[in-house]
């Protein structure tokens, strides 16, 4: 079992003001939005060992986005430097990591 919990803020689980289930694109967005409304201590839990959801778990050759990548990004974290119109898995996963750690 590679489950992982990531506490954001200080005080750990006991001080958590919020809980997010899943560290994929939706969970990352929820974490950013929690911070925007002033929630500083929350927990993000996922069944796998790292964030990224599908982009972390699907490692098959040539995995990538099947819609234009510029539409598959957060409005609050635009990336003007995508290397391809249909980005590949590793680039999307890195984008999600960058957003999550910003």
N, C-alpha and C. Protein backbone atom coordinates (compact mmCIF):
# COMPACT_ATOMS: atom_id res chain seq x y z
N UNK A 1 0.84 -1.18 0.00
CA UNK A 1 0.00 0.00 0.00
C UNK A 1 0.88 1.24 0.00
N UNK A 2 0.76 2.08 -1.01
CA UNK A 2 1.57 3.28 -1.11
C UNK A 2 0.84 4.52 -0.69
N UNK A 3 -0.25 4.39 0.07
CA UNK A 3 -1.06 5.55 0.46
C UNK A 3 -0.20 6.61 1.12
N UNK A 4 -0.59 7.85 0.89
CA UNK A 4 0.19 8.97 1.40
C UNK A 4 -0.73 10.08 1.85
N UNK A 5 -0.37 10.70 2.94
CA UNK A 5 -1.08 11.90 3.42
C UNK A 5 -0.09 13.04 3.45
N UNK A 6 -0.50 14.18 2.98
CA UNK A 6 0.35 15.37 2.99
C UNK A 6 -0.34 16.43 3.82
N UNK A 7 0.30 16.84 4.90
CA UNK A 7 -0.24 17.91 5.72
C UNK A 7 0.32 19.24 5.23
N UNK A 8 -0.56 20.20 5.04
CA UNK A 8 -0.16 21.54 4.63
C UNK A 8 -0.38 22.45 5.82
N UNK A 9 0.64 23.18 6.19
CA UNK A 9 0.55 24.06 7.36
C UNK A 9 1.29 23.43 8.52
N UNK A 10 0.96 23.89 9.71
CA UNK A 10 1.65 23.38 10.89
C UNK A 10 0.65 22.72 11.82
N UNK A 11 1.12 21.84 12.66
CA UNK A 11 0.26 21.21 13.64
C UNK A 11 -0.23 19.83 13.24
N UNK A 12 0.00 19.43 12.00
CA UNK A 12 -0.37 18.09 11.57
C UNK A 12 -1.86 17.84 11.59
N UNK A 13 -2.22 16.58 11.70
CA UNK A 13 -3.61 16.16 11.63
C UNK A 13 -4.48 16.81 12.70
N UNK A 14 -3.95 16.93 13.91
CA UNK A 14 -4.75 17.50 15.00
C UNK A 14 -5.20 18.93 14.72
N UNK A 15 -4.42 19.67 13.97
CA UNK A 15 -4.75 21.08 13.70
C UNK A 15 -5.44 21.28 12.35
N UNK A 16 -5.69 20.19 11.62
CA UNK A 16 -6.25 20.31 10.28
C UNK A 16 -7.63 20.95 10.30
N UNK A 17 -7.80 21.95 9.44
CA UNK A 17 -9.08 22.63 9.28
C UNK A 17 -9.83 22.10 8.07
N UNK A 18 -9.16 21.34 7.24
CA UNK A 18 -9.78 20.82 6.03
C UNK A 18 -9.16 19.50 5.65
N UNK A 19 -9.88 18.77 4.81
CA UNK A 19 -9.45 17.45 4.35
C UNK A 19 -9.78 17.35 2.87
N UNK A 20 -8.82 16.90 2.07
CA UNK A 20 -9.03 16.71 0.64
C UNK A 20 -8.72 15.25 0.34
N UNK A 21 -9.65 14.57 -0.31
CA UNK A 21 -9.45 13.18 -0.67
C UNK A 21 -9.02 13.12 -2.13
N UNK A 22 -7.77 12.74 -2.34
CA UNK A 22 -7.23 12.63 -3.68
C UNK A 22 -6.26 13.75 -4.00
N UNK A 23 -5.10 13.40 -4.53
CA UNK A 23 -4.06 14.38 -4.85
C UNK A 23 -3.84 14.49 -6.34
N UNK A 24 -4.91 14.27 -7.09
CA UNK A 24 -4.86 14.47 -8.53
C UNK A 24 -5.14 15.93 -8.85
N UNK A 25 -5.51 16.20 -10.08
CA UNK A 25 -5.72 17.58 -10.51
C UNK A 25 -6.81 18.26 -9.67
N UNK A 26 -7.88 17.53 -9.33
CA UNK A 26 -8.95 18.10 -8.51
C UNK A 26 -8.51 18.38 -7.08
N UNK A 27 -7.77 17.46 -6.50
CA UNK A 27 -7.28 17.64 -5.14
C UNK A 27 -6.28 18.78 -5.03
N UNK A 28 -5.43 18.91 -6.03
CA UNK A 28 -4.47 20.02 -6.05
C UNK A 28 -5.22 21.34 -6.14
N UNK A 29 -6.22 21.39 -7.00
CA UNK A 29 -7.03 22.60 -7.14
C UNK A 29 -7.74 22.92 -5.82
N UNK A 30 -8.29 21.91 -5.16
CA UNK A 30 -8.96 22.12 -3.88
C UNK A 30 -8.00 22.69 -2.85
N UNK A 31 -6.77 22.19 -2.82
CA UNK A 31 -5.78 22.71 -1.89
C UNK A 31 -5.45 24.17 -2.14
N UNK A 32 -5.30 24.54 -3.40
CA UNK A 32 -5.03 25.94 -3.75
C UNK A 32 -6.21 26.81 -3.34
N UNK A 33 -7.42 26.35 -3.62
CA UNK A 33 -8.61 27.14 -3.29
C UNK A 33 -8.80 27.26 -1.78
N UNK A 34 -8.47 26.22 -1.01
CA UNK A 34 -8.51 26.32 0.45
C UNK A 34 -7.57 27.42 0.93
N UNK A 35 -6.37 27.45 0.37
CA UNK A 35 -5.42 28.50 0.75
C UNK A 35 -5.94 29.88 0.38
N UNK A 36 -6.59 30.00 -0.77
CA UNK A 36 -7.12 31.30 -1.19
C UNK A 36 -8.19 31.84 -0.24
N UNK A 37 -8.93 30.96 0.43
CA UNK A 37 -9.96 31.43 1.36
C UNK A 37 -9.45 31.48 2.80
N UNK A 38 -8.15 31.28 2.97
CA UNK A 38 -7.54 31.46 4.27
C UNK A 38 -7.32 30.22 5.10
N UNK A 39 -7.64 29.05 4.57
CA UNK A 39 -7.39 27.80 5.29
C UNK A 39 -5.92 27.44 5.12
N UNK A 40 -5.20 27.44 6.20
CA UNK A 40 -3.75 27.21 6.13
C UNK A 40 -3.33 25.82 6.58
N UNK A 41 -4.17 25.13 7.33
CA UNK A 41 -3.84 23.79 7.82
C UNK A 41 -4.87 22.81 7.28
N UNK A 42 -4.44 21.97 6.35
CA UNK A 42 -5.33 20.96 5.81
C UNK A 42 -4.54 19.74 5.41
N UNK A 43 -5.26 18.67 5.15
CA UNK A 43 -4.64 17.40 4.84
C UNK A 43 -5.12 16.93 3.46
N UNK A 44 -4.19 16.52 2.62
CA UNK A 44 -4.52 15.92 1.33
C UNK A 44 -4.08 14.46 1.40
N UNK A 45 -5.01 13.55 1.13
CA UNK A 45 -4.75 12.12 1.24
C UNK A 45 -4.98 11.47 -0.12
N UNK A 46 -4.09 10.57 -0.50
CA UNK A 46 -4.26 9.84 -1.75
C UNK A 46 -3.91 8.38 -1.52
N UNK A 47 -4.44 7.52 -2.37
CA UNK A 47 -4.19 6.08 -2.23
C UNK A 47 -2.83 5.67 -2.78
N UNK A 48 -2.15 6.57 -3.48
CA UNK A 48 -0.84 6.25 -4.03
C UNK A 48 0.22 7.12 -3.36
N UNK A 49 1.46 6.88 -3.70
CA UNK A 49 2.58 7.46 -2.99
C UNK A 49 2.96 8.89 -3.38
N UNK A 50 2.30 9.47 -4.37
CA UNK A 50 2.68 10.82 -4.80
C UNK A 50 1.47 11.51 -5.38
N UNK A 51 1.58 12.80 -5.59
CA UNK A 51 0.48 13.56 -6.18
C UNK A 51 0.50 13.41 -7.69
N UNK A 52 -0.59 13.82 -8.31
CA UNK A 52 -0.65 13.79 -9.77
C UNK A 52 -1.77 12.95 -10.33
N UNK A 53 -2.41 12.14 -9.49
CA UNK A 53 -3.54 11.33 -9.96
C UNK A 53 -3.18 10.45 -11.14
N UNK A 54 -3.98 10.54 -12.18
CA UNK A 54 -3.77 9.76 -13.40
C UNK A 54 -2.37 9.95 -13.96
N UNK A 55 -1.86 11.16 -13.88
CA UNK A 55 -0.55 11.45 -14.47
C UNK A 55 0.58 10.83 -13.67
N UNK A 56 0.32 10.45 -12.42
CA UNK A 56 1.31 9.72 -11.64
C UNK A 56 1.18 8.21 -11.88
N UNK A 57 -0.06 7.71 -11.89
CA UNK A 57 -0.25 6.26 -11.95
C UNK A 57 -0.10 5.65 -13.34
N UNK A 58 -0.43 6.39 -14.37
CA UNK A 58 -0.36 5.84 -15.73
C UNK A 58 1.00 6.13 -16.35
N UNK A 59 1.79 5.12 -16.42
CA UNK A 59 3.17 5.29 -16.89
C UNK A 59 3.42 4.61 -18.23
N UNK A 60 2.36 4.26 -18.93
CA UNK A 60 2.55 3.56 -20.20
C UNK A 60 3.25 4.46 -21.23
N UNK A 61 3.93 3.84 -22.19
CA UNK A 61 4.69 4.61 -23.18
C UNK A 61 3.81 5.61 -23.94
N UNK A 62 4.32 6.79 -24.11
CA UNK A 62 3.69 7.85 -24.89
C UNK A 62 2.39 8.38 -24.29
N UNK A 63 2.18 8.19 -22.99
CA UNK A 63 0.99 8.73 -22.33
C UNK A 63 1.00 10.25 -22.46
N UNK A 64 -0.15 10.80 -22.74
CA UNK A 64 -0.23 12.25 -22.89
C UNK A 64 -1.66 12.73 -22.91
N UNK A 65 -1.81 14.01 -23.00
CA UNK A 65 -3.10 14.66 -23.02
C UNK A 65 -3.74 14.51 -24.40
N UNK A 66 -5.04 14.25 -24.43
CA UNK A 66 -5.72 14.11 -25.72
C UNK A 66 -6.57 15.33 -26.07
N UNK A 67 -6.40 16.39 -25.28
CA UNK A 67 -7.01 17.68 -25.60
C UNK A 67 -5.89 18.71 -25.56
N UNK A 68 -6.07 19.85 -26.20
CA UNK A 68 -4.99 20.86 -26.16
C UNK A 68 -4.59 21.18 -24.72
N UNK A 69 -3.33 21.11 -24.44
CA UNK A 69 -2.83 21.27 -23.08
C UNK A 69 -3.17 22.63 -22.50
N UNK A 70 -3.28 23.63 -23.33
CA UNK A 70 -3.62 24.96 -22.81
C UNK A 70 -5.01 24.98 -22.19
N UNK A 71 -5.87 24.02 -22.55
CA UNK A 71 -7.19 23.94 -21.92
C UNK A 71 -7.16 23.00 -20.72
N UNK A 72 -6.07 22.30 -20.52
CA UNK A 72 -5.94 21.34 -19.42
C UNK A 72 -4.93 21.89 -18.41
N UNK A 73 -5.20 23.07 -17.96
CA UNK A 73 -4.36 23.69 -16.95
C UNK A 73 -5.25 24.57 -16.09
N UNK A 74 -4.75 24.97 -14.95
CA UNK A 74 -5.52 25.81 -14.05
C UNK A 74 -5.53 27.26 -14.55
N UNK A 75 -6.67 27.91 -14.43
CA UNK A 75 -6.75 29.32 -14.84
C UNK A 75 -5.87 30.21 -13.96
N UNK A 76 -5.62 29.77 -12.74
CA UNK A 76 -4.80 30.54 -11.81
C UNK A 76 -3.32 30.18 -11.89
N UNK A 77 -2.97 29.27 -12.75
CA UNK A 77 -1.56 28.86 -12.90
C UNK A 77 -1.30 28.50 -14.36
N UNK A 78 -1.46 29.46 -15.21
CA UNK A 78 -1.24 29.22 -16.66
C UNK A 78 0.23 28.94 -16.92
N UNK A 79 0.46 28.08 -17.87
CA UNK A 79 1.82 27.74 -18.29
C UNK A 79 1.97 28.10 -19.77
N UNK A 80 2.63 29.19 -20.07
CA UNK A 80 2.80 29.56 -21.48
C UNK A 80 3.91 28.76 -22.18
N UNK A 81 4.60 27.92 -21.43
CA UNK A 81 5.76 27.24 -22.00
C UNK A 81 5.59 25.76 -22.29
N UNK A 82 4.37 25.31 -22.54
CA UNK A 82 4.20 23.89 -22.88
C UNK A 82 5.05 23.55 -24.09
N UNK A 83 5.67 22.41 -24.09
CA UNK A 83 6.56 22.02 -25.19
C UNK A 83 5.79 21.51 -26.41
N UNK A 84 4.55 21.09 -26.19
CA UNK A 84 3.74 20.52 -27.27
C UNK A 84 2.30 20.97 -27.12
N UNK A 85 1.56 20.94 -28.18
CA UNK A 85 0.13 21.27 -28.16
C UNK A 85 -0.63 20.23 -27.33
N UNK A 86 -0.23 18.96 -27.44
CA UNK A 86 -0.75 17.86 -26.64
C UNK A 86 0.40 17.33 -25.78
N UNK A 87 0.55 17.88 -24.60
CA UNK A 87 1.70 17.55 -23.74
C UNK A 87 1.69 16.09 -23.32
N UNK A 88 2.87 15.60 -23.05
CA UNK A 88 3.04 14.22 -22.59
C UNK A 88 2.98 14.15 -21.07
N UNK A 89 2.82 12.96 -20.57
CA UNK A 89 2.62 12.69 -19.15
C UNK A 89 3.65 13.37 -18.25
N UNK A 90 4.91 13.21 -18.52
CA UNK A 90 5.94 13.73 -17.62
C UNK A 90 5.85 15.25 -17.48
N UNK A 91 5.57 15.94 -18.56
CA UNK A 91 5.47 17.39 -18.52
C UNK A 91 4.23 17.83 -17.73
N UNK A 92 3.12 17.12 -17.92
CA UNK A 92 1.90 17.44 -17.17
C UNK A 92 2.11 17.16 -15.69
N UNK A 93 2.72 16.04 -15.36
CA UNK A 93 2.99 15.70 -13.96
C UNK A 93 3.89 16.74 -13.32
N UNK A 94 4.90 17.21 -14.02
CA UNK A 94 5.77 18.24 -13.48
C UNK A 94 5.02 19.55 -13.25
N UNK A 95 4.14 19.89 -14.17
CA UNK A 95 3.30 21.09 -14.02
C UNK A 95 2.47 20.97 -12.74
N UNK A 96 1.83 19.82 -12.53
CA UNK A 96 1.01 19.62 -11.33
C UNK A 96 1.86 19.72 -10.07
N UNK A 97 3.04 19.13 -10.09
CA UNK A 97 3.95 19.23 -8.94
C UNK A 97 4.33 20.69 -8.67
N UNK A 98 4.63 21.42 -9.73
CA UNK A 98 5.01 22.83 -9.58
C UNK A 98 3.88 23.63 -8.95
N UNK A 99 2.65 23.41 -9.42
CA UNK A 99 1.49 24.12 -8.85
C UNK A 99 1.32 23.74 -7.38
N UNK A 100 1.42 22.46 -7.08
CA UNK A 100 1.21 22.00 -5.71
C UNK A 100 2.25 22.53 -4.74
N UNK A 101 3.45 22.72 -5.21
CA UNK A 101 4.54 23.15 -4.32
C UNK A 101 4.77 24.65 -4.34
N UNK A 102 3.98 25.36 -5.10
CA UNK A 102 4.13 26.83 -5.20
C UNK A 102 3.52 27.54 -4.03
